[in-house]
N, C-alpha and C. Protein backbone atom coordinates (compact mmCIF):
# COMPACT_ATOMS: atom_id res chain seq x y z
N MET A 1 34.12 189.90 31.27
CA MET A 1 33.73 190.63 32.50
C MET A 1 34.57 190.05 33.65
N MET A 2 34.67 188.77 33.73
CA MET A 2 35.40 188.07 34.76
C MET A 2 36.92 188.52 34.73
N LEU A 3 37.43 188.46 33.63
CA LEU A 3 38.85 188.90 33.36
C LEU A 3 39.01 190.30 33.84
N ARG A 4 38.14 191.20 33.61
CA ARG A 4 38.24 192.51 33.98
C ARG A 4 38.20 192.72 35.47
N CYS A 5 37.35 191.98 36.10
CA CYS A 5 37.25 191.94 37.63
C CYS A 5 38.58 191.51 38.25
N GLU A 6 39.01 190.38 37.68
CA GLU A 6 40.32 189.73 38.17
C GLU A 6 41.46 190.85 38.05
N LEU A 7 41.44 191.47 36.90
CA LEU A 7 42.52 192.47 36.62
C LEU A 7 42.46 193.65 37.52
N LEU A 8 41.18 194.03 37.76
CA LEU A 8 40.99 195.14 38.70
C LEU A 8 41.40 194.84 40.19
N VAL A 9 41.11 193.57 40.67
CA VAL A 9 41.46 193.09 41.93
C VAL A 9 43.06 193.03 42.01
N THR A 10 43.67 192.51 41.03
CA THR A 10 45.14 192.38 40.89
C THR A 10 45.81 193.73 41.02
N CYS A 11 45.25 194.68 40.22
CA CYS A 11 45.80 196.11 40.29
C CYS A 11 45.71 196.71 41.68
N VAL A 12 44.51 196.58 42.29
CA VAL A 12 44.29 197.05 43.61
C VAL A 12 45.33 196.50 44.57
N ALA A 13 45.40 195.13 44.55
CA ALA A 13 46.35 194.44 45.42
C ALA A 13 47.81 194.95 45.17
N LEU A 14 48.22 195.02 43.99
CA LEU A 14 49.58 195.45 43.66
C LEU A 14 49.80 196.93 44.14
N SER A 15 48.76 197.75 43.91
CA SER A 15 48.90 199.12 44.33
C SER A 15 49.03 199.24 45.85
N THR A 16 48.22 198.45 46.57
CA THR A 16 48.29 198.40 48.03
C THR A 16 49.64 197.93 48.49
N LEU A 17 50.25 196.89 47.82
CA LEU A 17 51.52 196.43 48.26
C LEU A 17 52.59 197.36 47.93
N LEU A 18 52.54 198.05 46.81
CA LEU A 18 53.57 199.04 46.53
C LEU A 18 53.52 200.27 47.48
N THR A 19 52.30 200.63 47.82
CA THR A 19 52.12 201.76 48.68
C THR A 19 52.64 201.47 50.09
N SER A 20 52.39 200.22 50.53
CA SER A 20 52.81 199.89 51.92
C SER A 20 54.39 199.69 51.94
N CYS A 21 54.98 199.38 50.74
CA CYS A 21 56.36 199.18 50.82
C CYS A 21 57.02 200.55 50.81
N THR A 22 56.46 201.56 50.26
CA THR A 22 57.05 202.85 50.09
C THR A 22 56.80 203.76 51.26
N ASN A 23 55.80 203.39 52.07
CA ASN A 23 55.60 204.28 53.27
C ASN A 23 56.67 204.06 54.22
N SER A 24 57.17 205.25 54.77
CA SER A 24 58.23 205.14 55.79
C SER A 24 57.59 205.45 57.11
N THR A 25 58.38 205.23 58.15
CA THR A 25 57.87 205.66 59.52
C THR A 25 57.71 207.13 59.57
N PRO A 26 56.84 207.57 60.38
CA PRO A 26 56.63 209.05 60.49
C PRO A 26 57.87 209.78 61.11
N ASP A 27 58.01 210.94 60.60
CA ASP A 27 59.19 211.72 61.05
C ASP A 27 58.90 212.33 62.43
N THR A 28 59.53 211.83 63.59
CA THR A 28 59.28 212.37 64.84
C THR A 28 60.47 213.10 65.48
N HIS A 29 61.44 213.46 64.50
CA HIS A 29 62.61 214.16 64.97
C HIS A 29 62.35 215.37 65.83
N ALA A 30 61.54 216.37 65.40
CA ALA A 30 61.35 217.59 66.21
C ALA A 30 60.64 217.24 67.53
N ALA A 31 59.77 216.28 67.48
CA ALA A 31 59.09 215.83 68.74
C ALA A 31 60.12 215.11 69.76
N ASP A 32 61.00 214.32 69.23
CA ASP A 32 62.01 213.64 69.99
C ASP A 32 63.01 214.68 70.55
N GLU A 33 63.36 215.73 69.79
CA GLU A 33 64.29 216.68 70.27
C GLU A 33 63.63 217.37 71.44
N LEU A 34 62.44 217.75 71.27
CA LEU A 34 61.58 218.43 72.33
C LEU A 34 61.49 217.61 73.61
N ALA A 35 61.36 216.24 73.35
CA ALA A 35 61.21 215.34 74.50
C ALA A 35 62.56 215.31 75.33
N LEU A 36 63.66 215.31 74.52
CA LEU A 36 64.91 215.36 75.25
C LEU A 36 65.15 216.55 76.04
N LYS A 37 64.73 217.77 75.47
CA LYS A 37 64.84 219.03 76.27
C LYS A 37 63.99 218.96 77.46
N ASP A 38 62.83 218.49 77.31
CA ASP A 38 61.80 218.30 78.49
C ASP A 38 62.35 217.36 79.51
N THR A 39 62.99 216.28 79.09
CA THR A 39 63.63 215.25 80.06
C THR A 39 64.70 215.97 80.89
N GLU A 40 65.51 216.82 80.16
CA GLU A 40 66.68 217.41 80.92
C GLU A 40 66.05 218.53 81.86
N ALA A 41 65.08 219.19 81.46
CA ALA A 41 64.40 220.18 82.41
C ALA A 41 63.92 219.48 83.67
N ALA A 42 63.17 218.37 83.47
CA ALA A 42 62.70 217.60 84.59
C ALA A 42 63.94 217.06 85.46
N TRP A 43 64.96 216.67 84.83
CA TRP A 43 66.11 216.16 85.51
C TRP A 43 66.78 217.23 86.45
N VAL A 44 66.83 218.42 85.89
CA VAL A 44 67.44 219.58 86.74
C VAL A 44 66.47 219.89 87.83
N LYS A 45 65.17 219.84 87.63
CA LYS A 45 64.21 220.10 88.71
C LYS A 45 64.30 219.09 89.83
N ASP A 46 64.45 217.81 89.33
CA ASP A 46 64.49 216.63 90.32
C ASP A 46 65.80 216.72 91.06
N ALA A 47 66.88 217.22 90.45
CA ALA A 47 68.15 217.34 91.04
C ALA A 47 68.10 218.33 92.22
N ALA A 48 67.29 219.28 92.12
CA ALA A 48 67.19 220.32 93.15
C ALA A 48 66.50 219.81 94.34
N THR A 49 65.75 218.64 94.33
CA THR A 49 65.22 218.06 95.50
C THR A 49 66.26 217.28 96.22
N LYS A 50 67.30 216.96 95.56
CA LYS A 50 68.43 216.11 96.16
C LYS A 50 68.02 214.71 96.50
N ASP A 51 66.94 214.24 95.74
CA ASP A 51 66.39 212.96 95.90
C ASP A 51 67.25 212.04 95.03
N LEU A 52 68.12 211.24 95.69
CA LEU A 52 69.00 210.39 94.84
C LEU A 52 68.32 209.47 93.88
N GLU A 53 67.22 208.84 94.35
CA GLU A 53 66.49 207.93 93.45
C GLU A 53 65.82 208.63 92.20
N LYS A 54 65.32 209.84 92.48
CA LYS A 54 64.77 210.58 91.36
C LYS A 54 65.84 210.96 90.43
N PHE A 55 67.04 211.32 90.94
CA PHE A 55 68.18 211.71 90.07
C PHE A 55 68.66 210.70 89.24
N ILE A 56 68.86 209.47 89.80
CA ILE A 56 69.43 208.37 89.04
C ILE A 56 68.36 207.71 88.16
N ALA A 57 67.12 207.99 88.35
CA ALA A 57 66.02 207.40 87.47
C ALA A 57 66.15 207.86 86.00
N TYR A 58 66.95 208.91 85.77
CA TYR A 58 67.06 209.38 84.34
C TYR A 58 68.19 208.62 83.61
N TYR A 59 68.82 207.67 84.37
CA TYR A 59 69.82 206.81 83.71
C TYR A 59 69.14 205.47 83.30
N ALA A 60 69.60 204.90 82.09
CA ALA A 60 69.08 203.55 81.78
C ALA A 60 69.76 202.53 82.78
N ASP A 61 69.16 201.35 82.88
CA ASP A 61 69.71 200.40 83.81
C ASP A 61 71.23 200.10 83.51
N ASP A 62 71.56 200.11 82.12
CA ASP A 62 72.92 199.89 81.74
C ASP A 62 73.80 201.15 81.48
N GLY A 63 73.28 202.24 81.92
CA GLY A 63 73.90 203.54 81.69
C GLY A 63 75.29 203.67 82.31
N SER A 64 76.09 204.48 81.68
CA SER A 64 77.41 204.74 82.22
C SER A 64 77.62 206.16 82.39
N VAL A 65 78.49 206.53 83.43
CA VAL A 65 78.85 207.84 83.70
C VAL A 65 80.41 207.91 83.67
N LEU A 66 80.89 208.88 83.00
CA LEU A 66 82.46 209.08 82.79
C LEU A 66 82.75 210.30 83.58
N LEU A 67 83.35 210.21 84.77
CA LEU A 67 83.72 211.29 85.59
C LEU A 67 85.24 211.41 85.44
N PRO A 68 85.81 212.64 85.60
CA PRO A 68 87.19 212.86 85.66
C PRO A 68 87.92 212.00 86.75
N ASP A 69 89.09 211.55 86.41
CA ASP A 69 89.89 210.84 87.38
C ASP A 69 89.21 209.58 88.02
N THR A 70 88.25 209.00 87.44
CA THR A 70 87.46 207.91 87.94
C THR A 70 87.23 206.82 86.91
N PRO A 71 87.34 205.59 87.21
CA PRO A 71 86.92 204.48 86.22
C PRO A 71 85.54 204.75 85.77
N ILE A 72 85.11 204.20 84.64
CA ILE A 72 83.82 204.32 84.13
C ILE A 72 82.85 203.63 85.13
N LEU A 73 81.77 204.28 85.39
CA LEU A 73 80.67 203.87 86.30
C LEU A 73 79.59 203.27 85.38
N THR A 74 79.30 202.02 85.43
CA THR A 74 78.20 201.46 84.62
C THR A 74 77.29 200.72 85.52
N GLY A 75 75.98 201.09 85.22
CA GLY A 75 74.80 200.45 86.06
C GLY A 75 74.45 201.36 87.15
N LYS A 76 73.20 201.26 87.47
CA LYS A 76 72.63 202.18 88.48
C LYS A 76 73.23 202.11 89.90
N GLU A 77 73.72 200.83 90.22
CA GLU A 77 74.41 200.84 91.63
C GLU A 77 75.67 201.56 91.62
N ALA A 78 76.41 201.52 90.55
CA ALA A 78 77.71 202.26 90.50
C ALA A 78 77.44 203.83 90.40
N ILE A 79 76.40 204.11 89.68
CA ILE A 79 76.04 205.51 89.48
C ILE A 79 75.53 206.11 90.91
N ARG A 80 74.70 205.31 91.45
CA ARG A 80 74.09 205.65 92.76
C ARG A 80 75.23 205.88 93.82
N GLY A 81 76.19 205.08 93.88
CA GLY A 81 77.40 205.15 94.78
C GLY A 81 78.19 206.47 94.45
N ALA A 82 78.30 206.87 93.25
CA ALA A 82 79.06 208.03 92.94
C ALA A 82 78.36 209.26 93.30
N PHE A 83 77.05 209.29 93.06
CA PHE A 83 76.25 210.56 93.27
C PHE A 83 75.62 210.68 94.72
N LYS A 84 75.70 209.55 95.45
CA LYS A 84 75.10 209.70 96.79
C LYS A 84 75.78 210.86 97.60
N PRO A 85 77.09 210.80 97.62
CA PRO A 85 77.85 211.88 98.47
C PRO A 85 77.46 213.23 97.99
N MET A 86 77.44 213.38 96.53
CA MET A 86 77.20 214.74 96.03
C MET A 86 75.84 215.23 96.41
N LEU A 87 74.80 214.36 96.32
CA LEU A 87 73.45 214.85 96.54
C LEU A 87 73.19 215.00 97.98
N SER A 88 73.97 214.36 98.89
CA SER A 88 74.00 214.51 100.30
C SER A 88 74.67 215.85 100.77
N ASP A 89 75.41 216.46 100.07
CA ASP A 89 76.05 217.71 100.30
C ASP A 89 75.16 218.80 100.52
N PRO A 90 75.07 219.49 101.57
CA PRO A 90 74.11 220.60 101.81
C PRO A 90 74.23 221.75 100.84
N ASN A 91 75.46 221.88 100.26
CA ASN A 91 75.54 223.06 99.24
C ASN A 91 75.42 222.47 97.87
N PHE A 92 75.02 221.27 97.64
CA PHE A 92 74.82 220.66 96.29
C PHE A 92 73.66 221.45 95.52
N ALA A 93 74.14 221.88 94.33
CA ALA A 93 73.11 222.42 93.39
C ALA A 93 73.69 222.26 91.95
N VAL A 94 72.90 221.89 90.98
CA VAL A 94 73.38 221.72 89.60
C VAL A 94 72.29 222.27 88.70
N THR A 95 72.74 222.90 87.62
CA THR A 95 71.89 223.25 86.50
C THR A 95 72.59 222.92 85.25
N PHE A 96 71.96 222.56 84.24
CA PHE A 96 72.41 222.26 83.00
C PHE A 96 71.30 222.42 81.97
N GLY A 97 71.63 222.76 80.73
CA GLY A 97 70.72 222.98 79.70
C GLY A 97 71.39 222.79 78.36
N ALA A 98 70.74 222.07 77.54
CA ALA A 98 71.34 221.84 76.18
C ALA A 98 71.33 223.12 75.36
N THR A 99 72.44 223.31 74.57
CA THR A 99 72.48 224.21 73.58
C THR A 99 72.56 223.53 72.30
N LYS A 100 72.71 222.24 72.26
CA LYS A 100 72.66 221.38 71.05
C LYS A 100 72.05 220.13 71.39
N VAL A 101 70.98 219.78 70.57
CA VAL A 101 70.29 218.48 70.73
C VAL A 101 70.10 217.88 69.35
N ASP A 102 70.27 216.54 69.26
CA ASP A 102 69.98 215.98 67.94
C ASP A 102 69.60 214.47 68.25
N VAL A 103 68.79 213.95 67.38
CA VAL A 103 68.24 212.62 67.42
C VAL A 103 68.50 211.89 66.21
N ALA A 104 68.92 210.64 66.23
CA ALA A 104 69.14 209.83 65.10
C ALA A 104 67.97 209.67 64.26
N LYS A 105 68.08 209.51 62.99
CA LYS A 105 66.95 209.34 62.07
C LYS A 105 66.07 208.16 62.57
N SER A 106 66.65 207.10 63.26
CA SER A 106 65.95 206.08 63.68
C SER A 106 65.00 206.39 64.74
N GLY A 107 65.29 207.39 65.51
CA GLY A 107 64.48 207.90 66.59
C GLY A 107 64.71 207.17 67.91
N ASP A 108 65.81 206.39 67.98
CA ASP A 108 66.00 205.64 69.14
C ASP A 108 67.20 206.10 70.02
N LEU A 109 68.02 206.92 69.45
CA LEU A 109 69.19 207.38 70.17
C LEU A 109 69.19 209.00 69.97
N GLY A 110 69.64 209.69 70.93
CA GLY A 110 69.81 211.18 70.80
C GLY A 110 70.82 211.66 71.72
N TYR A 111 71.21 212.83 71.57
CA TYR A 111 72.27 213.46 72.53
C TYR A 111 71.97 214.94 72.82
N THR A 112 72.42 215.36 73.93
CA THR A 112 72.44 216.78 74.37
C THR A 112 73.82 217.23 74.72
N GLN A 113 74.02 218.43 74.50
CA GLN A 113 75.41 219.03 74.82
C GLN A 113 75.14 220.49 75.22
N GLY A 114 75.81 220.88 76.33
CA GLY A 114 75.69 222.29 76.80
C GLY A 114 76.48 222.52 78.05
N PRO A 115 76.29 223.67 78.52
CA PRO A 115 77.05 224.09 79.81
C PRO A 115 76.32 223.60 81.02
N PHE A 116 77.03 223.48 82.15
CA PHE A 116 76.50 223.10 83.38
C PHE A 116 77.17 224.12 84.53
N SER A 117 76.51 224.23 85.57
CA SER A 117 77.08 224.88 86.76
C SER A 117 76.59 223.96 87.92
N MET A 118 77.71 223.64 88.74
CA MET A 118 77.46 222.79 89.97
C MET A 118 78.17 223.30 91.13
N THR A 119 77.42 223.44 92.22
CA THR A 119 77.93 223.98 93.45
C THR A 119 77.98 222.81 94.49
N THR A 120 79.19 222.66 95.10
CA THR A 120 79.44 221.66 96.18
C THR A 120 80.17 222.33 97.30
N SER A 121 80.39 221.56 98.35
CA SER A 121 81.17 222.08 99.46
C SER A 121 82.60 221.89 99.36
N ASP A 122 83.41 222.84 99.55
CA ASP A 122 84.94 222.60 99.57
C ASP A 122 85.21 221.67 100.73
N PRO A 123 85.99 220.54 100.45
CA PRO A 123 86.22 219.55 101.49
C PRO A 123 86.91 220.13 102.69
N LYS A 124 87.73 221.17 102.60
CA LYS A 124 88.42 221.63 103.75
C LYS A 124 87.62 222.72 104.47
N THR A 125 87.06 223.72 103.77
CA THR A 125 86.47 224.86 104.42
C THR A 125 84.92 224.67 104.51
N LYS A 126 84.37 223.74 103.83
CA LYS A 126 82.91 223.47 103.79
C LYS A 126 82.12 224.60 103.21
N ALA A 127 82.90 225.60 102.66
CA ALA A 127 82.25 226.81 101.91
C ALA A 127 81.76 226.29 100.63
N PRO A 128 80.73 226.92 100.05
CA PRO A 128 80.28 226.44 98.70
C PRO A 128 81.24 226.88 97.54
N VAL A 129 81.54 226.00 96.65
CA VAL A 129 82.32 226.30 95.54
C VAL A 129 81.56 225.92 94.30
N THR A 130 81.65 226.78 93.27
CA THR A 130 80.79 226.55 92.11
C THR A 130 81.80 226.30 90.99
N GLU A 131 81.47 225.22 90.23
CA GLU A 131 82.31 224.78 89.06
C GLU A 131 81.38 224.94 87.85
N LYS A 132 81.96 225.50 86.74
CA LYS A 132 81.26 225.71 85.48
C LYS A 132 82.06 224.77 84.52
N GLY A 133 81.26 224.17 83.57
CA GLY A 133 81.82 223.40 82.52
C GLY A 133 80.82 223.02 81.37
N LYS A 134 81.12 221.94 80.79
CA LYS A 134 80.27 221.39 79.74
C LYS A 134 80.02 219.92 79.93
N TYR A 135 78.86 219.48 79.21
CA TYR A 135 78.52 218.05 79.35
C TYR A 135 78.16 217.58 77.99
N LEU A 136 78.04 216.34 77.99
CA LEU A 136 77.55 215.51 76.81
C LEU A 136 76.83 214.31 77.32
N THR A 137 75.61 214.07 76.98
CA THR A 137 74.78 213.03 77.38
C THR A 137 74.11 212.31 76.18
N VAL A 138 74.31 210.98 76.13
CA VAL A 138 73.64 210.28 75.07
C VAL A 138 72.39 209.54 75.66
N PHE A 139 71.29 209.71 75.01
CA PHE A 139 70.11 209.15 75.46
C PHE A 139 69.55 207.98 74.59
N ARG A 140 68.91 206.95 75.08
CA ARG A 140 68.27 205.96 74.30
C ARG A 140 66.75 205.91 74.73
N LYS A 141 65.95 205.90 73.68
CA LYS A 141 64.49 205.82 73.94
C LYS A 141 64.08 204.46 74.46
N GLN A 142 63.48 204.42 75.49
CA GLN A 142 63.06 203.08 76.20
C GLN A 142 61.74 202.60 75.52
N ALA A 143 61.41 201.42 75.86
CA ALA A 143 60.26 200.75 75.22
C ALA A 143 59.00 201.51 75.59
N ASP A 144 58.97 202.25 76.77
CA ASP A 144 57.78 203.04 77.07
C ASP A 144 57.78 204.32 76.50
N GLY A 145 58.75 204.70 75.69
CA GLY A 145 58.80 205.98 75.08
C GLY A 145 59.75 206.99 75.86
N ALA A 146 60.09 206.78 77.09
CA ALA A 146 60.81 207.58 77.88
C ALA A 146 62.32 207.61 77.37
N TRP A 147 63.04 208.81 77.50
CA TRP A 147 64.42 208.85 77.18
C TRP A 147 65.25 208.60 78.44
N ARG A 148 66.27 207.88 78.41
CA ARG A 148 67.07 207.58 79.52
C ARG A 148 68.57 207.67 79.15
N ALA A 149 69.41 208.36 79.94
CA ALA A 149 70.86 208.46 79.62
C ALA A 149 71.57 207.18 79.60
N VAL A 150 72.26 206.85 78.52
CA VAL A 150 73.23 205.68 78.44
C VAL A 150 74.49 205.98 78.53
N GLU A 151 74.96 207.21 78.18
CA GLU A 151 76.32 207.72 78.45
C GLU A 151 76.28 209.13 78.84
N ASP A 152 77.00 209.40 79.98
CA ASP A 152 76.97 210.82 80.48
C ASP A 152 78.44 211.23 80.91
N THR A 153 78.68 212.33 80.50
CA THR A 153 80.09 212.84 80.92
C THR A 153 79.99 214.39 81.05
N PHE A 154 80.77 214.88 81.89
CA PHE A 154 80.92 216.40 82.01
C PHE A 154 82.38 216.64 82.46
N MET A 155 82.87 217.83 82.02
CA MET A 155 84.09 218.32 82.46
C MET A 155 84.20 219.87 82.73
N SER A 156 85.04 220.19 83.65
CA SER A 156 85.14 221.58 84.19
C SER A 156 85.82 222.37 83.10
N ASP A 157 85.45 223.66 83.10
CA ASP A 157 86.10 224.65 82.28
C ASP A 157 87.47 225.09 82.93
N ALA A 158 87.57 224.84 84.29
CA ALA A 158 88.75 225.28 85.01
C ALA A 158 89.94 224.40 84.53
N PRO A 159 91.13 224.97 84.52
CA PRO A 159 92.31 224.17 84.18
C PRO A 159 92.62 223.20 85.19
N ARG A 160 93.11 222.04 84.72
CA ARG A 160 93.56 220.97 85.76
C ARG A 160 94.68 221.44 86.56
N ARG A 161 94.95 220.91 87.64
CA ARG A 161 96.06 221.24 88.45
C ARG A 161 97.36 221.19 87.65
N GLY A 162 98.09 222.27 87.71
CA GLY A 162 99.43 222.33 87.07
C GLY A 162 99.29 222.69 85.47
N GLU A 163 98.15 222.87 84.93
CA GLU A 163 98.00 223.15 83.48
C GLU A 163 97.56 224.67 83.39
N ALA A 164 98.08 225.16 82.33
CA ALA A 164 97.67 226.62 81.99
C ALA A 164 96.46 226.63 81.12
N VAL A 165 95.67 227.73 81.23
CA VAL A 165 94.60 227.95 80.38
C VAL A 165 95.09 228.41 79.01
N LYS A 166 94.50 227.68 78.05
CA LYS A 166 94.97 227.98 76.60
C LYS A 166 94.03 229.01 75.94
């Protein structure tokens, strides 16, 4: 009887150990993709307020922005400096929305890609000028579960000066 009890306890312990080793983390892929879309929607809404601090809050502290004809901007101070004139522009408006979203299986990195439209003032005439293009943003999930941009770049669909449209 004692041997049977010991064997039963050993089997239960072994079963518990094997079950815990084979259990994987829950699949949060769809929820993470939705969270990225929601984050971008909130970012566009906050951009419309032209509140610089709200706008740069979507970047991680070590985030980088890659703008055309500009060195890489890393960290919130550099990003703040680059976006301050833009958000101060009375004609500034930006919209963007992902047409492609994916999240790594690990659930800690994801990206969004899609079109954008941005209106700013022409430096000479002060008239509003709208630029259309595409963007790519890489996000990292923070300890609090929020998604923050760690790499962000966008480019115009218009040809660069002196280049023909292909």
